[in-house]
Amino acid sequence: YGSGKMPKVKCKECGGLGVVKKQQEVKIVIP
């Protein structure tokens, strides 16, 4: 993905992509 480096061992969670589909709680501060 343009970094010039690749994992020697891919992450078990994301398979080396660095991103996963998940639910995330986001805090929104309304002025």
PDB file of all heavy atoms in Angstrom:
ATOM      1  N   TYR A   1       0.818  -1.215   0.000  1.00  0.00           N
ATOM      2  CA  TYR A   1       0.000   0.000   0.000  1.00  0.00           C
ATOM      3  C   TYR A   1       0.853   1.267   0.000  1.00  0.00           C
ATOM      4  O   TYR A   1       0.497   2.275   0.610  1.00  0.00           O
ATOM      5  CB  TYR A   1      -0.963   0.012   1.186  1.00  0.00           C
ATOM      6  CG  TYR A   1      -1.815  -1.229   1.258  1.00  0.00           C
ATOM      7  CD1 TYR A   1      -1.594  -2.189   2.242  1.00  0.00           C
ATOM      8  CD2 TYR A   1      -2.822  -1.458   0.330  1.00  0.00           C
ATOM      9  CE1 TYR A   1      -2.359  -3.350   2.298  1.00  0.00           C
ATOM     10  CE2 TYR A   1      -3.595  -2.608   0.374  1.00  0.00           C
ATOM     11  CZ  TYR A   1      -3.355  -3.548   1.356  1.00  0.00           C
ATOM     12  OH  TYR A   1      -4.115  -4.691   1.408  1.00  0.00           O
ATOM     13  N   GLY A   2       1.997   1.197  -0.679  1.00  0.00           N
ATOM     14  CA  GLY A   2       2.825   2.383  -0.852  1.00  0.00           C
ATOM     15  C   GLY A   2       3.875   2.598   0.210  1.00  0.00           C
ATOM     16  O   GLY A   2       4.692   3.506   0.097  1.00  0.00           O
ATOM     17  N   SER A   3       3.912   1.766   1.254  1.00  0.00           N
ATOM     18  CA  SER A   3       4.875   1.981   2.345  1.00  0.00           C
ATOM     19  C   SER A   3       6.255   1.401   2.039  1.00  0.00           C
ATOM     20  O   SER A   3       7.254   1.810   2.631  1.00  0.00           O
ATOM     21  CB  SER A   3       4.351   1.355   3.635  1.00  0.00           C
ATOM     22  OG  SER A   3       4.342  -0.065   3.550  1.00  0.00           O
ATOM     23  N   GLY A   4       6.328   0.460   1.125  1.00  0.00           N
ATOM     24  CA  GLY A   4       7.599  -0.190   0.813  1.00  0.00           C
ATOM     25  C   GLY A   4       7.945  -1.316   1.771  1.00  0.00           C
ATOM     26  O   GLY A   4       8.945  -1.999   1.602  1.00  0.00           O
ATOM     27  N   LYS A   5       7.115  -1.501   2.799  1.00  0.00           N
ATOM     28  CA  LYS A   5       7.329  -2.553   3.790  1.00  0.00           C
ATOM     29  C   LYS A   5       6.103  -3.457   3.865  1.00  0.00           C
ATOM     30  O   LYS A   5       4.969  -3.010   3.687  1.00  0.00           O
ATOM     31  CB  LYS A   5       7.584  -1.941   5.174  1.00  0.00           C
ATOM     32  CG  LYS A   5       8.846  -1.091   5.270  1.00  0.00           C
ATOM     33  CD  LYS A   5      10.095  -1.958   5.287  1.00  0.00           C
ATOM     34  CE  LYS A   5      11.347  -1.137   5.501  1.00  0.00           C
ATOM     35  NZ  LYS A   5      12.563  -1.971   5.535  1.00  0.00           N
ATOM     36  N   MET A   6       6.344  -4.704   4.156  1.00  0.00           N
ATOM     37  CA  MET A   6       5.256  -5.669   4.297  1.00  0.00           C
ATOM     38  C   MET A   6       5.481  -6.491   5.563  1.00  0.00           C
ATOM     39  O   MET A   6       6.620  -6.661   6.019  1.00  0.00           O
ATOM     40  CB  MET A   6       5.189  -6.584   3.069  1.00  0.00           C
ATOM     41  CG  MET A   6       6.468  -7.379   2.813  1.00  0.00           C
ATOM     42  SD  MET A   6       6.399  -8.364   1.304  1.00  0.00           S
ATOM     43  CE  MET A   6       5.290  -9.668   1.816  1.00  0.00           C
ATOM     44  N   PRO A   7       4.381  -6.970   6.181  1.00  0.00           N
ATOM     45  CA  PRO A   7       4.546  -7.755   7.410  1.00  0.00           C
ATOM     46  C   PRO A   7       5.270  -9.066   7.136  1.00  0.00           C
ATOM     47  O   PRO A   7       4.995  -9.757   6.149  1.00  0.00           O
ATOM     48  CB  PRO A   7       3.100  -8.021   7.850  1.00  0.00           C
ATOM     49  CG  PRO A   7       2.263  -7.039   7.110  1.00  0.00           C
ATOM     50  CD  PRO A   7       2.966  -6.809   5.812  1.00  0.00           C
ATOM     51  N   LYS A   8       6.204  -9.375   8.003  1.00  0.00           N
ATOM     52  CA  LYS A   8       6.861 -10.682   7.901  1.00  0.00           C
ATOM     53  C   LYS A   8       5.866 -11.756   8.290  1.00  0.00           C
ATOM     54  O   LYS A   8       5.819 -12.833   7.690  1.00  0.00           O
ATOM     55  CB  LYS A   8       8.089 -10.723   8.821  1.00  0.00           C
ATOM     56  CG  LYS A   8       8.961 -11.946   8.618  1.00  0.00           C
ATOM     57  CD  LYS A   8      10.258 -11.839   9.414  1.00  0.00           C
ATOM     58  CE  LYS A   8      11.175 -13.014   9.130  1.00  0.00           C
ATOM     59  NZ  LYS A   8      12.448 -12.906   9.886  1.00  0.00           N
ATOM     60  N   VAL A   9       5.051 -11.452   9.324  1.00  0.00           N
ATOM     61  CA  VAL A   9       3.947 -12.323   9.732  1.00  0.00           C
ATOM     62  C   VAL A   9       2.703 -11.457   9.803  1.00  0.00           C
ATOM     63  O   VAL A   9       2.659 -10.479  10.550  1.00  0.00           O
ATOM     64  CB  VAL A   9       4.213 -12.971  11.114  1.00  0.00           C
ATOM     65  CG1 VAL A   9       3.045 -13.863  11.491  1.00  0.00           C
ATOM     66  CG2 VAL A   9       5.519 -13.754  11.102  1.00  0.00           C
ATOM     67  N   LYS A  10       1.694 -11.783   9.018  1.00  0.00           N
ATOM     68  CA  LYS A  10       0.479 -10.966   8.965  1.00  0.00           C
ATOM     69  C   LYS A  10      -0.305 -11.063  10.266  1.00  0.00           C
ATOM     70  O   LYS A  10      -0.354 -12.115  10.903  1.00  0.00           O
ATOM     71  CB  LYS A  10      -0.406 -11.390   7.793  1.00  0.00           C
ATOM     72  CG  LYS A  10       0.195 -11.074   6.431  1.00  0.00           C
ATOM     73  CD  LYS A  10      -0.753 -11.486   5.317  1.00  0.00           C
ATOM     74  CE  LYS A  10      -0.169 -11.159   3.943  1.00  0.00           C
ATOM     75  NZ  LYS A  10      -1.090 -11.575   2.856  1.00  0.00           N
ATOM     76  N   CYS A  11      -0.936  -9.958  10.636  1.00  0.00           N
ATOM     77  CA  CYS A  11      -1.775  -9.897  11.836  1.00  0.00           C
ATOM     78  C   CYS A  11      -2.919 -10.901  11.725  1.00  0.00           C
ATOM     79  O   CYS A  11      -3.583 -10.998  10.683  1.00  0.00           O
ATOM     80  CB  CYS A  11      -2.324  -8.480  12.010  1.00  0.00           C
ATOM     81  SG  CYS A  11      -3.538  -8.301  13.329  1.00  0.00           S
ATOM     82  N   LYS A  12      -3.133 -11.662  12.788  1.00  0.00           N
ATOM     83  CA  LYS A  12      -4.190 -12.679  12.783  1.00  0.00           C
ATOM     84  C   LYS A  12      -5.588 -12.065  12.738  1.00  0.00           C
ATOM     85  O   LYS A  12      -6.534 -12.699  12.277  1.00  0.00           O
ATOM     86  CB  LYS A  12      -4.062 -13.559  14.028  1.00  0.00           C
ATOM     87  CG  LYS A  12      -2.778 -14.383  14.077  1.00  0.00           C
ATOM     88  CD  LYS A  12      -2.691 -15.165  15.370  1.00  0.00           C
ATOM     89  CE  LYS A  12      -1.388 -15.963  15.459  1.00  0.00           C
ATOM     90  NZ  LYS A  12      -1.265 -16.675  16.757  1.00  0.00           N
ATOM     91  N   GLU A  13      -5.687 -10.833  13.216  1.00  0.00           N
ATOM     92  CA  GLU A  13      -7.001 -10.195  13.291  1.00  0.00           C
ATOM     93  C   GLU A  13      -7.441  -9.613  11.954  1.00  0.00           C
ATOM     94  O   GLU A  13      -8.566  -9.788  11.515  1.00  0.00           O
ATOM     95  CB  GLU A  13      -6.971  -9.082  14.352  1.00  0.00           C
ATOM     96  CG  GLU A  13      -8.305  -8.379  14.583  1.00  0.00           C
ATOM     97  CD  GLU A  13      -9.328  -9.252  15.263  1.00  0.00           C
ATOM     98  OE1 GLU A  13      -8.938 -10.219  15.966  1.00  0.00           O
ATOM     99  OE2 GLU A  13     -10.526  -8.996  15.086  1.00  0.00           O
ATOM    100  N   CYS A  14      -6.529  -8.900  11.293  1.00  0.00           N
ATOM    101  CA  CYS A  14      -6.901  -8.191  10.060  1.00  0.00           C
ATOM    102  C   CYS A  14      -6.291  -8.800   8.809  1.00  0.00           C
ATOM    103  O   CYS A  14      -6.549  -8.317   7.699  1.00  0.00           O
ATOM    104  CB  CYS A  14      -6.503  -6.721  10.159  1.00  0.00           C
ATOM    105  SG  CYS A  14      -4.706  -6.455  10.279  1.00  0.00           S
ATOM    106  N   GLY A  15      -5.475  -9.839   8.948  1.00  0.00           N
ATOM    107  CA  GLY A  15      -4.858 -10.490   7.791  1.00  0.00           C
ATOM    108  C   GLY A  15      -3.831  -9.626   7.089  1.00  0.00           C
ATOM    109  O   GLY A  15      -3.598  -9.789   5.892  1.00  0.00           O
ATOM    110  N   GLY A  16      -3.266  -8.649   7.819  1.00  0.00           N
ATOM    111  CA  GLY A  16      -2.230  -7.808   7.238  1.00  0.00           C
ATOM    112  C   GLY A  16      -2.735  -6.511   6.642  1.00  0.00           C
ATOM    113  O   GLY A  16      -1.949  -5.679   6.195  1.00  0.00           O
ATOM    114  N   LEU A  17      -4.061  -6.318   6.640  1.00  0.00           N
ATOM    115  CA  LEU A  17      -4.634  -5.107   6.046  1.00  0.00           C
ATOM    116  C   LEU A  17      -4.479  -3.893   6.949  1.00  0.00           C
ATOM    117  O   LEU A  17      -4.403  -2.753   6.486  1.00  0.00           O
ATOM    118  CB  LEU A  17      -6.118  -5.315   5.728  1.00  0.00           C
ATOM    119  CG  LEU A  17      -6.456  -6.353   4.662  1.00  0.00           C
ATOM    120  CD1 LEU A  17      -7.961  -6.490   4.530  1.00  0.00           C
ATOM    121  CD2 LEU A  17      -5.844  -5.954   3.327  1.00  0.00           C
ATOM    122  N   GLY A  18      -4.474  -4.120   8.254  1.00  0.00           N
ATOM    123  CA  GLY A  18      -4.390  -3.012   9.197  1.00  0.00           C
ATOM    124  C   GLY A  18      -5.730  -2.418   9.550  1.00  0.00           C
ATOM    125  O   GLY A  18      -5.837  -1.544  10.419  1.00  0.00           O
ATOM    126  N   VAL A  19      -6.795  -2.861   8.876  1.00  0.00           N
ATOM    127  CA  VAL A  19      -8.150  -2.388   9.165  1.00  0.00           C
ATOM    128  C   VAL A  19      -9.103  -3.576   9.243  1.00  0.00           C
ATOM    129  O   VAL A  19      -8.889  -4.602   8.581  1.00  0.00           O
ATOM    130  CB  VAL A  19      -8.656  -1.384   8.096  1.00  0.00           C
ATOM    131  CG1 VAL A  19      -7.775  -0.153   8.032  1.00  0.00           C
ATOM    132  CG2 VAL A  19      -8.749  -2.040   6.724  1.00  0.00           C
ATOM    133  N   VAL A  20     -10.135  -3.438  10.069  1.00  0.00           N
ATOM    134  CA  VAL A  20     -11.157  -4.475  10.201  1.00  0.00           C
ATOM    135  C   VAL A  20     -12.527  -3.809  10.286  1.00  0.00           C
ATOM    136  O   VAL A  20     -12.652  -2.657  10.703  1.00  0.00           O
ATOM    137  CB  VAL A  20     -10.932  -5.340  11.459  1.00  0.00           C
ATOM    138  CG1 VAL A  20      -9.705  -6.202  11.327  1.00  0.00           C
ATOM    139  CG2 VAL A  20     -10.840  -4.475  12.709  1.00  0.00           C
ATOM    140  N   LYS A  21     -13.547  -4.540   9.901  1.00  0.00           N
ATOM    141  CA  LYS A  21     -14.926  -4.054  10.006  1.00  0.00           C
ATOM    142  C   LYS A  21     -15.416  -4.348  11.416  1.00  0.00           C
ATOM    143  O   LYS A  21     -15.397  -5.490  11.865  1.00  0.00           O
ATOM    144  CB  LYS A  21     -15.813  -4.763   8.982  1.00  0.00           C
ATOM    145  CG  LYS A  21     -17.197  -4.147   8.841  1.00  0.00           C
ATOM    146  CD  LYS A  21     -17.170  -2.930   7.951  1.00  0.00           C
ATOM    147  CE  LYS A  21     -18.575  -2.443   7.633  1.00  0.00           C
ATOM    148  NZ  LYS A  21     -18.564  -1.253   6.779  1.00  0.00           N
ATOM    149  N   LYS A  22     -15.827  -3.311  12.116  1.00  0.00           N
ATOM    150  CA  LYS A  22     -16.284  -3.514  13.491  1.00  0.00           C
ATOM    151  C   LYS A  22     -17.176  -2.354  13.917  1.00  0.00           C
ATOM    152  O   LYS A  22     -17.262  -1.320  13.244  1.00  0.00           O
ATOM    153  CB  LYS A  22     -15.097  -3.614  14.442  1.00  0.00           C
ATOM    154  CG  LYS A  22     -14.253  -2.343  14.542  1.00  0.00           C
ATOM    155  CD  LYS A  22     -13.110  -2.507  15.524  1.00  0.00           C
ATOM    156  CE  LYS A  22     -12.275  -1.236  15.617  1.00  0.00           C
ATOM    157  NZ  LYS A  22     -11.172  -1.358  16.589  1.00  0.00           N
ATOM    158  N   GLN A  23     -17.836  -2.536  15.065  1.00  0.00           N
ATOM    159  CA  GLN A  23     -18.636  -1.468  15.645  1.00  0.00           C
ATOM    160  C   GLN A  23     -17.740  -0.632  16.549  1.00  0.00           C
ATOM    161  O   GLN A  23     -17.005  -1.177  17.372  1.00  0.00           O
ATOM    162  CB  GLN A  23     -19.813  -2.034  16.441  1.00  0.00           C
ATOM    163  CG  GLN A  23     -20.935  -2.559  15.561  1.00  0.00           C
ATOM    164  CD  GLN A  23     -22.210  -2.824  16.348  1.00  0.00           C
ATOM    165  OE1 GLN A  23     -22.157  -3.246  17.494  1.00  0.00           O
ATOM    166  NE2 GLN A  23     -23.347  -2.554  15.742  1.00  0.00           N
ATOM    167  N   GLN A  24     -17.819   0.660  16.375  1.00  0.00           N
ATOM    168  CA  GLN A  24     -16.979   1.556  17.158  1.00  0.00           C
ATOM    169  C   GLN A  24     -17.824   2.671  17.765  1.00  0.00           C
ATOM    170  O   GLN A  24     -18.675   3.258  17.088  1.00  0.00           O
ATOM    171  CB  GLN A  24     -15.873   2.157  16.287  1.00  0.00           C
ATOM    172  CG  GLN A  24     -14.908   3.058  17.043  1.00  0.00           C
ATOM    173  CD  GLN A  24     -13.792   3.572  16.152  1.00  0.00           C
ATOM    174  OE1 GLN A  24     -13.577   3.053  15.059  1.00  0.00           O
ATOM    175  NE2 GLN A  24     -13.084   4.585  16.606  1.00  0.00           N
ATOM    176  N   GLU A  25     -17.575   2.940  19.026  1.00  0.00           N
ATOM    177  CA  GLU A  25     -18.283   4.022  19.703  1.00  0.00           C
ATOM    178  C   GLU A  25     -17.555   5.338  19.437  1.00  0.00           C
ATOM    179  O   GLU A  25     -16.353   5.444  19.664  1.00  0.00           O
ATOM    180  CB  GLU A  25     -18.360   3.749  21.209  1.00  0.00           C
ATOM    181  CG  GLU A  25     -19.237   4.749  21.945  1.00  0.00           C
ATOM    182  CD  GLU A  25     -19.398   4.397  23.418  1.00  0.00           C
ATOM    183  OE1 GLU A  25     -18.390   4.448  24.139  1.00  0.00           O
ATOM    184  OE2 GLU A  25     -20.515   4.054  23.831  1.00  0.00           O
ATOM    185  N   VAL A  26     -18.289   6.292  18.952  1.00  0.00           N
ATOM    186  CA  VAL A  26     -17.716   7.595  18.630  1.00  0.00           C
ATOM    187  C   VAL A  26     -18.365   8.649  19.520  1.00  0.00           C
ATOM    188  O   VAL A  26     -19.582   8.743  19.608  1.00  0.00           O
ATOM    189  CB  VAL A  26     -17.931   7.956  17.145  1.00  0.00           C
ATOM    190  CG1 VAL A  26     -17.354   9.334  16.839  1.00  0.00           C
ATOM    191  CG2 VAL A  26     -17.303   6.911  16.238  1.00  0.00           C
ATOM    192  N   LYS A  27     -17.536   9.443  20.167  1.00  0.00           N
ATOM    193  CA  LYS A  27     -18.013  10.523  21.040  1.00  0.00           C
ATOM    194  C   LYS A  27     -18.161  11.805  20.222  1.00  0.00           C
ATOM    195  O   LYS A  27     -17.226  12.238  19.552  1.00  0.00           O
ATOM    196  CB  LYS A  27     -17.031  10.730  22.193  1.00  0.00           C
ATOM    197  CG  LYS A  27     -17.473  11.756  23.219  1.00  0.00           C
ATOM    198  CD  LYS A  27     -16.432  11.872  24.338  1.00  0.00           C
ATOM    199  CE  LYS A  27     -16.837  12.908  25.371  1.00  0.00           C
ATOM    200  NZ  LYS A  27     -15.816  13.038  26.441  1.00  0.00           N
ATOM    201  N   ILE A  28     -19.351  12.398  20.283  1.00  0.00           N
ATOM    202  CA  ILE A  28     -19.632  13.607  19.503  1.00  0.00           C
ATOM    203  C   ILE A  28     -19.933  14.757  20.461  1.00  0.00           C
ATOM    204  O   ILE A  28     -20.889  14.700  21.236  1.00  0.00           O
ATOM    205  CB  ILE A  28     -20.827  13.395  18.549  1.00  0.00           C
ATOM    206  CG1 ILE A  28     -20.546  12.215  17.614  1.00  0.00           C
ATOM    207  CG2 ILE A  28     -21.114  14.656  17.751  1.00  0.00           C
ATOM    208  CD1 ILE A  28     -21.749  11.759  16.834  1.00  0.00           C
ATOM    209  N   VAL A  29     -19.105  15.779  20.424  1.00  0.00           N
ATOM    210  CA  VAL A  29     -19.302  16.969  21.252  1.00  0.00           C
ATOM    211  C   VAL A  29     -20.036  18.013  20.418  1.00  0.00           C
ATOM    212  O   VAL A  29     -19.519  18.478  19.393  1.00  0.00           O
ATOM    213  CB  VAL A  29     -17.958  17.525  21.754  1.00  0.00           C
ATOM    214  CG1 VAL A  29     -18.182  18.793  22.582  1.00  0.00           C
ATOM    215  CG2 VAL A  29     -17.216  16.479  22.578  1.00  0.00           C
ATOM    216  N   ILE A  30     -21.240  18.363  20.843  1.00  0.00           N
ATOM    217  CA  ILE A  30     -22.074  19.314  20.103  1.00  0.00           C
ATOM    218  C   ILE A  30     -21.934  20.693  20.745  1.00  0.00           C
ATOM    219  O   ILE A  30     -22.206  20.854  21.939  1.00  0.00           O
ATOM    220  CB  ILE A  30     -23.538  18.863  20.102  1.00  0.00           C
ATOM    221  CG1 ILE A  30     -23.641  17.498  19.409  1.00  0.00           C
ATOM    222  CG2 ILE A  30     -24.415  19.879  19.396  1.00  0.00           C
ATOM    223  CD1 ILE A  30     -24.833  16.698  19.774  1.00  0.00           C
ATOM    224  N   PRO A  31     -21.493  21.677  20.004  1.00  0.00           N
ATOM    225  CA  PRO A  31     -21.260  23.011  20.581  1.00  0.00           C
ATOM    226  C   PRO A  31     -22.558  23.726  20.944  1.00  0.00           C
ATOM    227  O   PRO A  31     -23.614  23.458  20.358  1.00  0.00           O
ATOM    228  CB  PRO A  31     -20.519  23.745  19.459  1.00  0.00           C
ATOM    229  CG  PRO A  31     -20.970  23.073  18.206  1.00  0.00           C
ATOM    230  CD  PRO A  31     -21.173  21.635  18.551  1.00  0.00           C
TER     231      PRO A  31
END
